[in-house]
Amino acid sequence: MILTLLSKIYGIIINARNKRFDEGKKEIVHCSVPVISVGNISAGGTSKTPFVIEIEKILLDSGHKPAIIGRGYKRKRKGYKVVSDGKNILADIDDAGDEMLMLAEKLKVPVVAHESKSDTALKAEKEFDIDSIIIDDGFQHRRLHRDLDIVLIDNETLENSLLLPKGKLREPLDSILRADVIIKMGSLSNFALIEGMLNNKKAICDAEIRMSQPYELSTGTVPNQDKIPGIKKACIAVSGIAKPERFRATLIENGYNIVEHLTFPDHNYYSKTDVVRITKECERKNVNFVITTEKDAVKLRNFRRNFDMQKISVFVLPVEIRVSEGKEELVKIINNLFV
């Protein structure tokens, strides 16, 4: 009963805020370069950050010079921070947060973290030689004008279509009408819930999550193929992400025998106590292999020596998002921003 009431109050506040932007009563900041937002309408776990990488690759393949901006969720030190200037990593996990640091390490583009995405975008376009900006998790940051709004939808979003805190939605379902592109993450059994809201002006694409080759946390190298069966035979999964069950399912689908899955809170900052828990579980299960996510890896690597001392090999499983249907249209829409 209380959660229902709180969800109603939350909805009133969100609708009032959106109405002020829709009616031009709130200031909207414009950049001199195209701004692309990758976001969602639910609380976490729709693979926004991996999809930012996919958009980044589309821009780079087309010869553009993008930068990425984001909040740096749960980072320990706040304020404007250049995580990467496109050549060098200039921040640690405390300055950047896990997702922004991961993006900076995977992509040779400027990456900047700050609580105010609009202020960051204005500063970044002056500081760097760029011709576009991607906002990681930008759909709700309406103060910054977006030239392209991309929204990711998954089954969990549609199955629990109630507002926070009773449900998972950050905005009502009909907020997707603000989006220019809808990305269907996997097969959506309940897509009919929103399909009727959309018109022919909305581009709808299908995307899928794919695993890449695992690499060793300590060295960053991909293991020899003859070692992979041994890793898959028995390993312990470790994750501190929004939807750990999805990580586990992906591992099982790809032939990994997960003897134990140790889960931690989303964006968890691993402590020595956490690492002891992991190593003790390996000892208890008589397992020498740990498999984890890239988001967890940027924090677990501070404990590489601890794992090495226990003769435990930690492997990182990269996950990529690929647009499986509608990519040609998506590329065309993105390139039209520069015409």
Protein backbone atom coordinates (compact mmCIF):
# COMPACT_ATOMS: atom_id res chain seq x y z
CA MET A 1 0.00 0.00 0.00
CA ILE A 2 2.78 2.43 0.97
CA LEU A 3 4.82 1.54 -2.13
CA THR A 4 1.77 2.12 -4.34
CA LEU A 5 1.28 5.55 -2.81
CA LEU A 6 4.97 6.41 -3.18
CA SER A 7 4.89 5.32 -6.82
CA LYS A 8 1.93 7.62 -7.46
CA ILE A 9 3.72 10.55 -5.83
CA TYR A 10 6.87 9.78 -7.81
CA GLY A 11 4.79 9.67 -11.02
CA ILE A 12 3.25 13.07 -10.30
CA ILE A 13 6.69 14.59 -9.76
CA ILE A 14 8.15 13.04 -12.93
CA ASN A 15 5.16 14.03 -15.08
CA ALA A 16 5.27 17.61 -13.77
CA ARG A 17 8.99 17.84 -14.50
CA ASN A 18 8.59 16.47 -18.03
CA LYS A 19 5.69 18.82 -18.70
CA ARG A 20 7.83 21.84 -17.81
CA PHE A 21 10.42 20.76 -20.36
CA ASP A 22 7.77 19.93 -22.98
CA GLU A 23 6.20 23.38 -22.59
CA GLY A 24 9.52 25.20 -22.75
CA LYS A 25 9.36 26.38 -19.15
CA LYS A 26 12.72 24.83 -18.28
CA GLU A 27 15.99 25.86 -19.88
CA ILE A 28 17.49 23.44 -22.39
CA VAL A 29 21.20 23.67 -23.19
CA HIS A 30 22.35 23.20 -26.80
CA CYS A 31 25.78 22.04 -27.95
CA SER A 32 27.42 23.01 -31.23
CA VAL A 33 27.99 19.33 -32.12
CA PRO A 34 25.41 16.51 -32.43
CA VAL A 35 24.50 14.90 -29.11
CA ILE A 36 23.38 11.26 -28.96
CA SER A 37 21.79 9.87 -25.80
CA VAL A 38 21.77 6.16 -24.96
CA GLY A 39 19.33 5.49 -22.15
CA ASN A 40 16.34 3.59 -20.83
CA ILE A 41 13.23 4.10 -18.73
CA SER A 42 13.95 1.42 -16.11
CA ALA A 43 16.35 1.24 -13.20
CA GLY A 44 19.55 -0.40 -14.44
CA GLY A 45 20.48 -3.50 -16.32
CA THR A 46 19.46 -2.88 -19.95
CA SER A 47 23.08 -2.91 -21.20
CA LYS A 48 23.27 0.83 -21.86
CA THR A 49 27.03 1.05 -21.44
CA PRO A 50 27.85 -1.80 -23.87
CA PHE A 51 25.47 -0.17 -26.36
CA VAL A 52 27.37 3.11 -26.00
CA ILE A 53 30.38 1.17 -27.28
CA GLU A 54 28.36 -0.01 -30.29
CA ILE A 55 27.31 3.57 -31.13
CA GLU A 56 30.88 4.75 -30.62
CA LYS A 57 32.12 2.18 -33.13
CA ILE A 58 29.51 3.28 -35.67
CA LEU A 59 30.71 6.88 -35.33
CA LEU A 60 34.39 5.94 -35.53
CA ASP A 61 33.79 3.71 -38.56
CA SER A 62 32.13 6.69 -40.28
CA GLY A 63 35.16 8.88 -39.63
CA HIS A 64 33.73 10.93 -36.77
CA LYS A 65 35.42 12.09 -33.58
CA PRO A 66 33.09 11.40 -30.64
CA ALA A 67 33.44 11.90 -26.91
CA ILE A 68 31.55 10.13 -24.12
CA ILE A 69 30.10 11.84 -21.08
CA GLY A 70 28.42 10.25 -18.08
CA ARG A 71 27.78 10.62 -14.41
CA GLY A 72 30.29 8.04 -13.24
CA TYR A 73 27.72 6.37 -11.02
CA LYS A 74 28.86 5.64 -7.43
CA ARG A 75 32.35 7.03 -7.96
CA LYS A 76 33.90 8.15 -4.70
CA ARG A 77 35.15 11.58 -5.80
CA LYS A 78 32.73 14.00 -7.42
CA GLY A 79 33.11 16.90 -9.81
CA TYR A 80 34.33 17.31 -13.39
CA LYS A 81 36.91 14.66 -14.25
CA VAL A 82 38.54 13.81 -17.56
CA VAL A 83 38.80 10.03 -17.42
CA SER A 84 40.55 9.85 -20.79
CA ASP A 85 41.74 12.49 -23.25
CA GLY A 86 41.46 9.93 -26.04
CA LYS A 87 45.08 8.85 -25.67
CA ASN A 88 45.78 8.41 -21.98
CA ILE A 89 43.79 7.24 -18.95
CA LEU A 90 43.83 10.17 -16.53
CA ALA A 91 41.64 8.87 -13.69
CA ASP A 92 41.34 5.94 -11.35
CA ILE A 93 38.27 4.01 -10.25
CA ASP A 94 37.51 6.47 -7.43
CA ASP A 95 37.50 9.44 -9.84
CA ALA A 96 35.72 7.75 -12.73
CA GLY A 97 33.43 5.00 -11.48
CA ASP A 98 33.45 1.52 -12.99
CA GLU A 99 31.50 2.12 -16.19
CA MET A 100 33.26 5.31 -17.26
CA LEU A 101 36.68 3.80 -16.57
CA MET A 102 35.73 0.69 -18.54
CA LEU A 103 34.65 2.86 -21.50
CA ALA A 104 37.86 4.87 -21.33
CA GLU A 105 39.99 1.73 -21.40
CA LYS A 106 38.10 0.08 -24.26
CA LEU A 107 37.79 3.12 -26.52
CA LYS A 108 40.46 5.61 -27.53
CA VAL A 109 38.14 8.62 -27.28
CA PRO A 110 37.71 11.39 -24.71
CA VAL A 111 35.65 10.25 -21.72
CA VAL A 112 34.45 12.71 -19.07
CA ALA A 113 32.58 12.12 -15.82
CA HIS A 114 30.44 14.70 -14.03
CA GLU A 115 27.12 14.85 -12.21
CA SER A 116 25.78 17.52 -14.62
CA LYS A 117 25.76 16.07 -18.12
CA SER A 118 24.75 19.40 -19.67
CA ASP A 119 27.64 21.33 -18.09
CA THR A 120 30.00 18.51 -19.03
CA ALA A 121 28.90 18.50 -22.66
CA LEU A 122 29.46 22.25 -23.03
CA LYS A 123 32.90 22.00 -21.49
CA ALA A 124 33.93 18.88 -23.40
CA GLU A 125 33.14 20.34 -26.82
CA LYS A 126 35.51 23.23 -26.06
CA GLU A 127 38.23 21.12 -24.47
CA PHE A 128 38.54 18.37 -27.10
CA ASP A 129 38.75 18.11 -30.86
CA ILE A 130 35.42 16.32 -31.29
CA ASP A 131 32.46 16.46 -33.64
CA SER A 132 29.88 14.56 -31.54
CA ILE A 133 28.98 13.61 -27.98
CA ILE A 134 27.43 10.43 -26.62
CA ILE A 135 25.67 10.53 -23.25
CA ASP A 136 25.78 7.31 -21.28
CA ASP A 137 22.39 7.06 -19.52
CA GLY A 138 21.05 10.37 -20.77
CA PHE A 139 17.35 9.89 -21.42
CA GLN A 140 16.24 11.50 -18.16
CA HIS A 141 18.74 14.39 -18.38
CA ARG A 142 16.41 16.67 -20.29
CA ARG A 143 18.31 19.90 -19.62
CA LEU A 144 20.73 18.90 -22.39
CA HIS A 145 19.30 18.94 -25.91
CA ARG A 146 19.74 15.63 -27.73
CA ASP A 147 19.86 15.39 -31.50
CA LEU A 148 19.17 11.67 -31.20
CA ASP A 149 17.51 9.84 -28.32
CA ILE A 150 18.09 6.07 -28.26
CA VAL A 151 16.15 4.05 -25.69
CA LEU A 152 16.83 0.40 -24.84
CA ILE A 153 13.89 -1.81 -23.87
CA ASP A 154 14.15 -5.32 -22.43
CA ASN A 155 11.68 -7.89 -21.13
CA GLU A 156 12.19 -6.89 -17.50
CA THR A 157 11.17 -3.32 -18.32
CA LEU A 158 7.90 -4.49 -19.81
CA GLU A 159 7.16 -7.21 -17.26
CA ASN A 160 7.39 -4.83 -14.31
CA SER A 161 5.91 -1.69 -15.83
CA LEU A 162 5.26 0.11 -12.54
CA LEU A 163 7.02 3.25 -11.40
CA LEU A 164 9.64 3.34 -8.68
CA PRO A 165 9.72 2.38 -5.88
CA LYS A 166 7.04 -0.30 -6.35
CA GLY A 167 8.28 -1.16 -9.82
CA LYS A 168 11.41 -0.59 -11.87
CA LEU A 169 10.38 2.28 -14.14
CA ARG A 170 12.08 5.67 -13.86
CA GLU A 171 9.36 7.12 -16.11
CA PRO A 172 5.97 5.96 -17.38
CA LEU A 173 6.04 3.64 -20.39
CA ASP A 174 4.64 6.32 -22.68
CA SER A 175 7.83 8.36 -22.12
CA ILE A 176 9.36 6.31 -24.92
CA LEU A 177 7.44 8.58 -27.30
CA ARG A 178 10.27 11.09 -26.76
CA ALA A 179 12.74 8.58 -28.21
CA ASP A 180 13.86 8.63 -31.83
CA VAL A 181 15.13 5.05 -31.86
CA ILE A 182 13.89 2.06 -29.86
CA ILE A 183 16.34 -0.80 -29.34
CA LYS A 184 14.72 -4.15 -28.51
CA MET A 185 17.16 -6.05 -26.32
CA GLY A 186 16.58 -9.68 -27.18
CA SER A 187 13.22 -11.26 -27.87
CA LEU A 188 10.49 -9.20 -26.22
CA SER A 189 7.41 -11.25 -25.47
CA ASN A 190 5.53 -8.18 -24.18
CA PHE A 191 6.52 -5.67 -26.84
CA ALA A 192 2.85 -5.31 -27.76
CA LEU A 193 2.47 -3.23 -24.58
CA ILE A 194 4.26 -0.33 -26.23
CA GLU A 195 4.01 -1.17 -29.93
CA GLY A 196 0.63 0.52 -30.13
CA MET A 197 2.08 3.76 -28.78
CA LEU A 198 4.70 4.02 -31.48
CA ASN A 199 4.26 5.57 -34.89
CA ASN A 200 6.04 5.05 -38.16
CA LYS A 201 8.48 7.83 -37.32
CA LYS A 202 10.11 5.70 -34.64
CA ALA A 203 12.97 3.52 -35.79
CA ILE A 204 12.87 0.10 -34.12
CA CYS A 205 15.97 -2.08 -34.10
CA ASP A 206 16.75 -5.50 -32.64
CA ALA A 207 19.93 -6.05 -30.66
CA GLU A 208 21.54 -9.06 -29.06
CA ILE A 209 24.22 -9.65 -26.45
CA ARG A 210 27.27 -11.58 -27.59
CA MET A 211 30.22 -12.92 -25.63
CA SER A 212 33.78 -12.33 -26.74
CA GLN A 213 36.83 -14.36 -25.81
CA PRO A 214 37.66 -14.26 -22.08
CA TYR A 215 40.96 -12.73 -21.07
CA GLU A 216 43.08 -13.01 -17.93
CA LEU A 217 42.65 -10.28 -15.34
CA SER A 218 46.33 -10.34 -14.39
CA THR A 219 47.79 -10.08 -17.89
CA GLY A 220 44.97 -8.99 -20.19
CA THR A 221 45.82 -11.85 -22.54
CA VAL A 222 43.40 -14.32 -24.11
CA PRO A 223 44.20 -17.86 -22.94
CA ASN A 224 45.18 -20.58 -25.38
CA GLN A 225 42.21 -22.43 -26.82
CA ASP A 226 43.31 -25.67 -25.16
CA LYS A 227 42.89 -23.98 -21.76
CA ILE A 228 39.28 -22.87 -22.36
CA PRO A 229 37.70 -26.34 -21.75
CA GLY A 230 39.40 -26.46 -18.34
CA ILE A 231 38.00 -23.06 -17.40
CA LYS A 232 34.53 -24.05 -18.58
CA LYS A 233 34.65 -27.37 -16.74
CA ALA A 234 34.43 -25.76 -13.30
CA CYS A 235 34.53 -22.08 -12.37
CA ILE A 236 33.08 -19.64 -9.88
CA ALA A 237 31.23 -16.64 -11.27
CA VAL A 238 31.59 -13.28 -9.54
CA SER A 239 29.44 -10.28 -10.39
CA GLY A 240 28.33 -6.97 -8.92
CA ILE A 241 25.87 -5.87 -11.61
CA ALA A 242 22.18 -4.97 -11.84
CA LYS A 243 21.09 -8.31 -13.30
CA PRO A 244 23.50 -11.06 -12.19
CA GLU A 245 21.11 -13.77 -13.34
CA ARG A 246 21.62 -12.61 -16.93
CA PHE A 247 25.39 -13.01 -16.56
CA ARG A 248 24.96 -16.50 -15.13
CA ALA A 249 22.55 -17.50 -17.91
CA THR A 250 24.97 -16.23 -20.56
CA LEU A 251 27.80 -18.28 -19.07
CA ILE A 252 25.69 -21.44 -18.93
CA GLU A 253 24.48 -20.93 -22.50
CA ASN A 254 28.11 -20.81 -23.59
CA GLY A 255 29.09 -24.03 -21.86
CA TYR A 256 30.49 -22.82 -18.53
CA ASN A 257 29.87 -25.04 -15.50
CA ILE A 258 29.18 -22.54 -12.72
CA VAL A 259 29.76 -24.36 -9.45
CA GLU A 260 28.94 -21.20 -7.51
CA HIS A 261 27.82 -17.67 -8.37
CA LEU A 262 28.88 -15.04 -5.84
CA THR A 263 26.80 -11.91 -6.30
CA PHE A 264 27.48 -8.45 -4.91
CA PRO A 265 25.53 -5.17 -5.08
CA ASP A 266 25.51 -3.32 -8.41
CA HIS A 267 28.65 -1.13 -8.81
CA ASN A 268 30.18 -2.86 -5.78
CA TYR A 269 33.56 -1.57 -4.67
CA TYR A 270 35.36 -4.78 -3.78
CA SER A 271 37.04 -4.91 -0.38
CA LYS A 272 39.63 -7.29 1.04
CA THR A 273 36.74 -8.99 2.85
CA ASP A 274 34.98 -9.57 -0.48
CA VAL A 275 38.12 -11.01 -2.01
CA VAL A 276 38.66 -13.32 0.97
CA ARG A 277 35.09 -14.53 0.49
CA ILE A 278 35.85 -15.30 -3.17
CA THR A 279 39.14 -17.08 -2.47
CA LYS A 280 37.63 -19.08 0.41
CA GLU A 281 34.79 -20.21 -1.85
CA CYS A 282 37.33 -21.31 -4.47
CA GLU A 283 39.14 -23.31 -1.79
CA ARG A 284 35.90 -24.83 -0.51
CA LYS A 285 34.78 -25.86 -4.00
CA ASN A 286 38.31 -26.89 -5.04
CA VAL A 287 38.14 -24.55 -8.04
CA ASN A 288 41.01 -22.49 -9.44
CA PHE A 289 39.10 -20.42 -12.00
CA VAL A 290 36.97 -17.32 -11.44
CA ILE A 291 34.98 -15.66 -14.24
CA THR A 292 33.72 -12.09 -13.94
CA THR A 293 32.42 -9.10 -15.94
CA GLU A 294 34.40 -6.20 -17.35
CA LYS A 295 32.61 -3.81 -15.02
CA ASP A 296 33.75 -5.88 -12.04
CA ALA A 297 37.24 -6.37 -13.46
CA VAL A 298 38.21 -2.68 -13.24
CA LYS A 299 37.78 -3.00 -9.46
CA LEU A 300 38.93 -6.59 -8.87
CA ARG A 301 42.26 -6.00 -10.58
CA ASN A 302 43.43 -4.10 -7.49
CA PHE A 303 43.53 -7.55 -5.84
CA ARG A 304 45.40 -9.42 -8.56
CA ARG A 305 48.21 -10.25 -6.18
CA ASN A 306 45.76 -11.76 -3.69
CA PHE A 307 44.39 -14.09 -6.35
CA ASP A 308 47.85 -14.97 -7.63
CA MET A 309 49.00 -15.89 -4.12
CA GLN A 310 46.09 -18.33 -3.86
CA LYS A 311 46.85 -19.70 -7.36
CA ILE A 312 43.46 -18.56 -8.58
CA SER A 313 43.15 -17.42 -12.20
CA VAL A 314 40.54 -14.71 -12.76
CA PHE A 315 39.12 -14.39 -16.26
CA VAL A 316 37.12 -11.47 -17.61
CA LEU A 317 34.26 -12.11 -20.01
CA PRO A 318 33.69 -9.19 -22.41
CA VAL A 319 30.13 -8.69 -23.58
CA GLU A 320 29.28 -6.92 -26.80
CA ILE A 321 26.00 -5.60 -28.15
CA ARG A 322 25.30 -6.07 -31.82
CA VAL A 323 22.36 -4.61 -33.72
CA SER A 324 21.00 -7.69 -35.46
CA GLU A 325 18.15 -6.04 -37.35
CA GLY A 326 17.84 -2.44 -38.47
CA LYS A 327 21.54 -1.54 -38.24
CA GLU A 328 21.65 -0.06 -41.74
CA GLU A 329 18.81 2.30 -40.82
CA LEU A 330 20.47 3.17 -37.50
CA VAL A 331 23.77 4.01 -39.22
CA LYS A 332 21.90 6.18 -41.72
CA ILE A 333 20.06 8.02 -38.92
CA ILE A 334 23.34 8.68 -37.10
CA ASN A 335 25.17 9.87 -40.22
CA ASN A 336 22.28 12.20 -41.10
CA LEU A 337 23.08 14.15 -37.92
CA PHE A 338 26.17 15.48 -39.66
CA VAL A 339 24.54 16.51 -42.93
